[in-house]
Structure formats: structure tokens, C-alpha cells
């Protein structure tokens, strides 16, 4: 887990990364790096768009 730092927290209006309570400094650093990457690459917005498209296709059936 130290390489990734944490896991993406879904269901919030922003970017959240959950880390283990006993995370090493390396894990925390990597979690922060991943959060910055998610913001810079608009991951939240892309997930919202993908889920909206998926829901639309599901309603067409």
C-alpha cells in the first residue's frame, strides 16, 4: 500500500484519498501525489460523466 498511498474515496464532492492509520511517510507522500494527479486530470469529473452515460444507457433498456 505504500506505493499507492491510499484508495480513492467515492461519493464526495471532491477528491479524497483514504490511507491506512499506520501509513508510512512514503505512503502519505504518495497519497498526496495521487490526489494532486486526480485533481489535475479531472478524475472526479470524468467519473461523473461516465456514470451519467452509464445510467442513461441503462434507462434506455
PDB file of N, CA and C in Angstrom:
ATOM      1  N   UNK A   1       0.806  -1.208   0.000  1.00  0.00           N
ATOM      2  CA  UNK A   1       0.000   0.000   0.000  1.00  0.00           C
ATOM      3  C   UNK A   1       0.844   1.264   0.000  1.00  0.00           C
ATOM      4  N   UNK A   2       2.098   1.165   0.360  1.00  0.00           N
ATOM      5  CA  UNK A   2       2.952   2.358   0.415  1.00  0.00           C
ATOM      6  C   UNK A   2       3.196   2.950  -0.960  1.00  0.00           C
ATOM      7  N   UNK A   3       3.184   2.107  -1.990  1.00  0.00           N
ATOM      8  CA  UNK A   3       3.426   2.608  -3.347  1.00  0.00           C
ATOM      9  C   UNK A   3       2.262   3.453  -3.842  1.00  0.00           C
ATOM     10  N   UNK A   4       1.030   3.069  -3.495  1.00  0.00           N
ATOM     11  CA  UNK A   4      -0.148   3.812  -3.947  1.00  0.00           C
ATOM     12  C   UNK A   4      -0.570   4.857  -2.930  1.00  0.00           C
ATOM     13  N   UNK A   5      -0.318   4.608  -1.690  1.00  0.00           N
ATOM     14  CA  UNK A   5      -0.608   5.580  -0.650  1.00  0.00           C
ATOM     15  C   UNK A   5      -1.992   5.480  -0.062  1.00  0.00           C
ATOM     16  N   UNK A   6      -2.971   5.117  -0.856  1.00  0.00           N
ATOM     17  CA  UNK A   6      -4.329   5.040  -0.357  1.00  0.00           C
ATOM     18  C   UNK A   6      -5.291   4.712  -1.474  1.00  0.00           C
ATOM     19  N   UNK A   7      -6.576   4.798  -1.151  1.00  0.00           N
ATOM     20  CA  UNK A   7      -7.626   4.467  -2.108  1.00  0.00           C
ATOM     21  C   UNK A   7      -8.531   5.674  -2.309  1.00  0.00           C
ATOM     22  N   UNK A   8      -9.033   5.824  -3.509  1.00  0.00           N
ATOM     23  CA  UNK A   8      -9.936   6.922  -3.844  1.00  0.00           C
ATOM     24  C   UNK A   8     -11.239   6.761  -3.074  1.00  0.00           C
ATOM     25  N   UNK A   9     -11.683   7.831  -2.450  1.00  0.00           N
ATOM     26  CA  UNK A   9     -12.947   7.839  -1.719  1.00  0.00           C
ATOM     27  C   UNK A   9     -14.017   8.381  -2.651  1.00  0.00           C
ATOM     28  N   UNK A  10     -14.985   7.546  -2.984  1.00  0.00           N
ATOM     29  CA  UNK A  10     -16.069   7.958  -3.873  1.00  0.00           C
ATOM     30  C   UNK A  10     -17.258   8.438  -3.050  1.00  0.00           C
ATOM     31  N   UNK A  11     -18.107   9.256  -3.674  1.00  0.00           N
ATOM     32  CA  UNK A  11     -19.317   9.716  -3.019  1.00  0.00           C
ATOM     33  C   UNK A  11     -19.179  11.060  -2.333  1.00  0.00           C
ATOM     34  N   UNK A  12     -18.100  11.740  -2.575  1.00  0.00           N
ATOM     35  CA  UNK A  12     -17.924  13.076  -2.017  1.00  0.00           C
ATOM     36  C   UNK A  12     -17.793  14.064  -3.170  1.00  0.00           C
ATOM     37  N   UNK A  13     -17.975  15.328  -2.881  1.00  0.00           N
ATOM     38  CA  UNK A  13     -17.898  16.360  -3.925  1.00  0.00           C
ATOM     39  C   UNK A  13     -16.485  16.910  -4.014  1.00  0.00           C
ATOM     40  N   UNK A  14     -15.549  16.043  -4.254  1.00  0.00           N
ATOM     41  CA  UNK A  14     -14.152  16.431  -4.341  1.00  0.00           C
ATOM     42  C   UNK A  14     -13.295  15.193  -4.445  1.00  0.00           C
ATOM     43  N   UNK A  15     -12.029  15.359  -4.182  1.00  0.00           N
ATOM     44  CA  UNK A  15     -11.098  14.238  -4.223  1.00  0.00           C
ATOM     45  C   UNK A  15     -10.697  13.901  -2.800  1.00  0.00           C
ATOM     46  N   UNK A  16     -10.865  12.647  -2.437  1.00  0.00           N
ATOM     47  CA  UNK A  16     -10.447  12.179  -1.124  1.00  0.00           C
ATOM     48  C   UNK A  16      -9.689  10.878  -1.267  1.00  0.00           C
ATOM     49  N   UNK A  17      -8.625  10.753  -0.528  1.00  0.00           N
ATOM     50  CA  UNK A  17      -7.828   9.542  -0.527  1.00  0.00           C
ATOM     51  C   UNK A  17      -7.815   9.011   0.906  1.00  0.00           C
ATOM     52  N   UNK A  18      -8.167   7.753   1.071  1.00  0.00           N
ATOM     53  CA  UNK A  18      -8.163   7.112   2.378  1.00  0.00           C
ATOM     54  C   UNK A  18      -6.845   6.364   2.548  1.00  0.00           C
ATOM     55  N   UNK A  19      -6.170   6.632   3.634  1.00  0.00           N
ATOM     56  CA  UNK A  19      -4.906   5.958   3.938  1.00  0.00           C
ATOM     57  C   UNK A  19      -5.082   5.084   5.176  1.00  0.00           C
ATOM     58  N   UNK A  20      -4.267   4.075   5.286  1.00  0.00           N
ATOM     59  CA  UNK A  20      -4.245   3.229   6.469  1.00  0.00           C
ATOM     60  C   UNK A  20      -3.764   4.061   7.656  1.00  0.00           C
ATOM     61  N   UNK A  21      -4.278   3.795   8.818  1.00  0.00           N
ATOM     62  CA  UNK A  21      -3.899   4.556  10.007  1.00  0.00           C
ATOM     63  C   UNK A  21      -2.431   4.454  10.379  1.00  0.00           C
ATOM     64  N   UNK A  22      -1.792   3.403   9.921  1.00  0.00           N
ATOM     65  CA  UNK A  22      -0.377   3.197  10.231  1.00  0.00           C
ATOM     66  C   UNK A  22       0.487   3.443   8.993  1.00  0.00           C
ATOM     67  N   UNK A  23       0.026   4.345   8.122  1.00  0.00           N
ATOM     68  CA  UNK A  23       0.751   4.619   6.878  1.00  0.00           C
ATOM     69  C   UNK A  23       2.117   5.230   7.157  1.00  0.00           C
ATOM     70  N   UNK A  24       3.063   4.810   6.360  1.00  0.00           N
ATOM     71  CA  UNK A  24       4.420   5.356   6.465  1.00  0.00           C
ATOM     72  C   UNK A  24       4.458   6.746   5.829  1.00  0.00           C
ATOM     73  N   UNK A  25       5.487   7.507   6.096  1.00  0.00           N
ATOM     74  CA  UNK A  25       5.629   8.802   5.417  1.00  0.00           C
ATOM     75  C   UNK A  25       5.615   8.660   3.890  1.00  0.00           C
ATOM     76  N   UNK A  26       6.221   7.584   3.388  1.00  0.00           N
ATOM     77  CA  UNK A  26       6.217   7.340   1.942  1.00  0.00           C
ATOM     78  C   UNK A  26       4.792   7.150   1.433  1.00  0.00           C
ATOM     79  N   UNK A  27       3.967   6.404   2.165  1.00  0.00           N
ATOM     80  CA  UNK A  27       2.586   6.168   1.756  1.00  0.00           C
ATOM     81  C   UNK A  27       1.790   7.471   1.751  1.00  0.00           C
ATOM     82  N   UNK A  28       1.969   8.302   2.767  1.00  0.00           N
ATOM     83  CA  UNK A  28       1.255   9.585   2.837  1.00  0.00           C
ATOM     84  C   UNK A  28       1.693  10.486   1.687  1.00  0.00           C
ATOM     85  N   UNK A  29       2.993  10.530   1.421  1.00  0.00           N
ATOM     86  CA  UNK A  29       3.505  11.329   0.301  1.00  0.00           C
ATOM     87  C   UNK A  29       2.885  10.860  -1.013  1.00  0.00           C
ATOM     88  N   UNK A  30       2.810   9.550  -1.212  1.00  0.00           N
ATOM     89  CA  UNK A  30       2.235   9.016  -2.444  1.00  0.00           C
ATOM     90  C   UNK A  30       0.737   9.280  -2.530  1.00  0.00           C
ATOM     91  N   UNK A  31       0.036   9.243  -1.404  1.00  0.00           N
ATOM     92  CA  UNK A  31      -1.391   9.558  -1.400  1.00  0.00           C
ATOM     93  C   UNK A  31      -1.619  11.013  -1.806  1.00  0.00           C
ATOM     94  N   UNK A  32      -0.808  11.906  -1.310  1.00  0.00           N
ATOM     95  CA  UNK A  32      -0.919  13.323  -1.684  1.00  0.00           C
ATOM     96  C   UNK A  32      -0.619  13.500  -3.167  1.00  0.00           C
ATOM     97  N   UNK A  33       0.405  12.810  -3.649  1.00  0.00           N
ATOM     98  CA  UNK A  33       0.758  12.883  -5.075  1.00  0.00           C
ATOM     99  C   UNK A  33      -0.396  12.382  -5.943  1.00  0.00           C
ATOM    100  N   UNK A  34      -1.020  11.289  -5.529  1.00  0.00           N
ATOM    101  CA  UNK A  34      -2.145  10.744  -6.290  1.00  0.00           C
ATOM    102  C   UNK A  34      -3.323  11.712  -6.260  1.00  0.00           C
ATOM    103  N   UNK A  35      -3.602  12.317  -5.113  1.00  0.00           N
ATOM    104  CA  UNK A  35      -4.697  13.285  -5.026  1.00  0.00           C
ATOM    105  C   UNK A  35      -4.453  14.460  -5.970  1.00  0.00           C
ATOM    106  N   UNK A  36      -3.240  14.952  -6.023  1.00  0.00           N
ATOM    107  CA  UNK A  36      -2.900  16.052  -6.935  1.00  0.00           C
ATOM    108  C   UNK A  36      -3.095  15.615  -8.381  1.00  0.00           C
ATOM    109  N   UNK A  37      -2.651  14.399  -8.706  1.00  0.00           N
ATOM    110  CA  UNK A  37      -2.839  13.878 -10.066  1.00  0.00           C
ATOM    111  C   UNK A  37      -4.319  13.778 -10.413  1.00  0.00           C
ATOM    112  N   UNK A  38      -5.143  13.314  -9.464  1.00  0.00           N
ATOM    113  CA  UNK A  38      -6.580  13.193  -9.713  1.00  0.00           C
ATOM    114  C   UNK A  38      -7.199  14.555  -9.995  1.00  0.00           C
ATOM    115  N   UNK A  39      -6.807  15.567  -9.240  1.00  0.00           N
ATOM    116  CA  UNK A  39      -7.335  16.917  -9.464  1.00  0.00           C
ATOM    117  C   UNK A  39      -6.875  17.444 -10.819  1.00  0.00           C
ATOM    118  N   UNK A  40      -5.591  17.331 -11.101  1.00  0.00           N
ATOM    119  CA  UNK A  40      -5.049  17.857 -12.360  1.00  0.00           C
ATOM    120  C   UNK A  40      -5.612  17.151 -13.586  1.00  0.00           C
ATOM    121  N   UNK A  41      -5.995  15.882 -13.441  1.00  0.00           N
ATOM    122  CA  UNK A  41      -6.522  15.105 -14.565  1.00  0.00           C
ATOM    123  C   UNK A  41      -8.042  14.999 -14.550  1.00  0.00           C
ATOM    124  N   UNK A  42      -8.693  15.780 -13.683  1.00  0.00           N
ATOM    125  CA  UNK A  42     -10.159  15.869 -13.639  1.00  0.00           C
ATOM    126  C   UNK A  42     -10.817  14.495 -13.490  1.00  0.00           C
ATOM    127  N   UNK A  43     -10.266  13.664 -12.627  1.00  0.00           N
ATOM    128  CA  UNK A  43     -10.778  12.307 -12.445  1.00  0.00           C
ATOM    129  C   UNK A  43     -12.214  12.326 -11.933  1.00  0.00           C
ATOM    130  N   UNK A  44     -12.528  13.188 -10.978  1.00  0.00           N
ATOM    131  CA  UNK A  44     -13.890  13.246 -10.433  1.00  0.00           C
ATOM    132  C   UNK A  44     -14.896  13.568 -11.523  1.00  0.00           C
ATOM    133  N   UNK A  45     -14.589  14.556 -12.348  1.00  0.00           N
ATOM    134  CA  UNK A  45     -15.498  14.949 -13.423  1.00  0.00           C
ATOM    135  C   UNK A  45     -15.638  13.826 -14.453  1.00  0.00           C
ATOM    136  N   UNK A  46     -14.556  13.149 -14.750  1.00  0.00           N
ATOM    137  CA  UNK A  46     -14.613  12.043 -15.712  1.00  0.00           C
ATOM    138  C   UNK A  46     -15.452  10.886 -15.171  1.00  0.00           C
ATOM    139  N   UNK A  47     -15.317  10.604 -13.889  1.00  0.00           N
ATOM    140  CA  UNK A  47     -16.142   9.562 -13.283  1.00  0.00           C
ATOM    141  C   UNK A  47     -17.617   9.948 -13.322  1.00  0.00           C
ATOM    142  N   UNK A  48     -17.923  11.211 -13.011  1.00  0.00           N
ATOM    143  CA  UNK A  48     -19.308  11.672 -13.056  1.00  0.00           C
ATOM    144  C   UNK A  48     -19.885  11.538 -14.458  1.00  0.00           C
ATOM    145  N   UNK A  49     -19.114  11.929 -15.467  1.00  0.00           N
ATOM    146  CA  UNK A  49     -19.573  11.821 -16.853  1.00  0.00           C
ATOM    147  C   UNK A  49     -19.793  10.365 -17.245  1.00  0.00           C
ATOM    148  N   UNK A  50     -18.871   9.505 -16.870  1.00  0.00           N
ATOM    149  CA  UNK A  50     -19.001   8.087 -17.193  1.00  0.00           C
ATOM    150  C   UNK A  50     -20.197   7.448 -16.519  1.00  0.00           C
ATOM    151  N   UNK A  51     -20.420   7.787 -15.252  1.00  0.00           N
ATOM    152  CA  UNK A  51     -21.577   7.242 -14.548  1.00  0.00           C
ATOM    153  C   UNK A  51     -22.881   7.769 -15.127  1.00  0.00           C
ATOM    154  N   UNK A  52     -22.907   9.041 -15.510  1.00  0.00           N
ATOM    155  CA  UNK A  52     -24.114   9.610 -16.117  1.00  0.00           C
ATOM    156  C   UNK A  52     -24.420   8.911 -17.438  1.00  0.00           C
ATOM    157  N   UNK A  53     -23.406   8.665 -18.250  1.00  0.00           N
ATOM    158  CA  UNK A  53     -23.605   7.968 -19.525  1.00  0.00           C
ATOM    159  C   UNK A  53     -24.069   6.538 -19.280  1.00  0.00           C
ATOM    160  N   UNK A  54     -23.502   5.883 -18.290  1.00  0.00           N
ATOM    161  CA  UNK A  54     -23.895   4.514 -17.954  1.00  0.00           C
ATOM    162  C   UNK A  54     -25.352   4.477 -17.509  1.00  0.00           C
ATOM    163  N   UNK A  55     -25.769   5.436 -16.677  1.00  0.00           N
ATOM    164  CA  UNK A  55     -27.152   5.485 -16.205  1.00  0.00           C
ATOM    165  C   UNK A  55     -28.105   5.755 -17.356  1.00  0.00           C
ATOM    166  N   UNK A  56     -27.718   6.638 -18.276  1.00  0.00           N
ATOM    167  CA  UNK A  56     -28.561   6.943 -19.429  1.00  0.00           C
ATOM    168  C   UNK A  56     -28.755   5.699 -20.279  1.00  0.00           C
ATOM    169  N   UNK A  57     -27.695   4.969 -20.553  1.00  0.00           N
ATOM    170  CA  UNK A  57     -27.794   3.742 -21.344  1.00  0.00           C
ATOM    171  C   UNK A  57     -28.636   2.704 -20.622  1.00  0.00           C
ATOM    172  N   UNK A  58     -28.528   2.640 -19.313  1.00  0.00           N
ATOM    173  CA  UNK A  58     -29.315   1.685 -18.536  1.00  0.00           C
ATOM    174  C   UNK A  58     -30.792   1.999 -18.577  1.00  0.00           C
ATOM    175  N   UNK A  59     -31.142   3.273 -18.637  1.00  0.00           N
ATOM    176  CA  UNK A  59     -32.546   3.679 -18.696  1.00  0.00           C
ATOM    177  C   UNK A  59     -33.155   3.454 -20.064  1.00  0.00           C
ATOM    178  N   UNK A  60     -32.332   3.306 -21.096  1.00  0.00           N
ATOM    179  CA  UNK A  60     -32.830   3.089 -22.450  1.00  0.00           C
ATOM    180  C   UNK A  60     -33.275   1.652 -22.663  1.00  0.00           C
ATOM    181  N   UNK A  61     -32.892   0.755 -21.788  1.00  0.00           N
ATOM    182  CA  UNK A  61     -33.225  -0.669 -21.960  1.00  0.00           C
ATOM    183  C   UNK A  61     -34.621  -0.967 -21.560  1.00  0.00           C
TER     184      UNK A  61
END
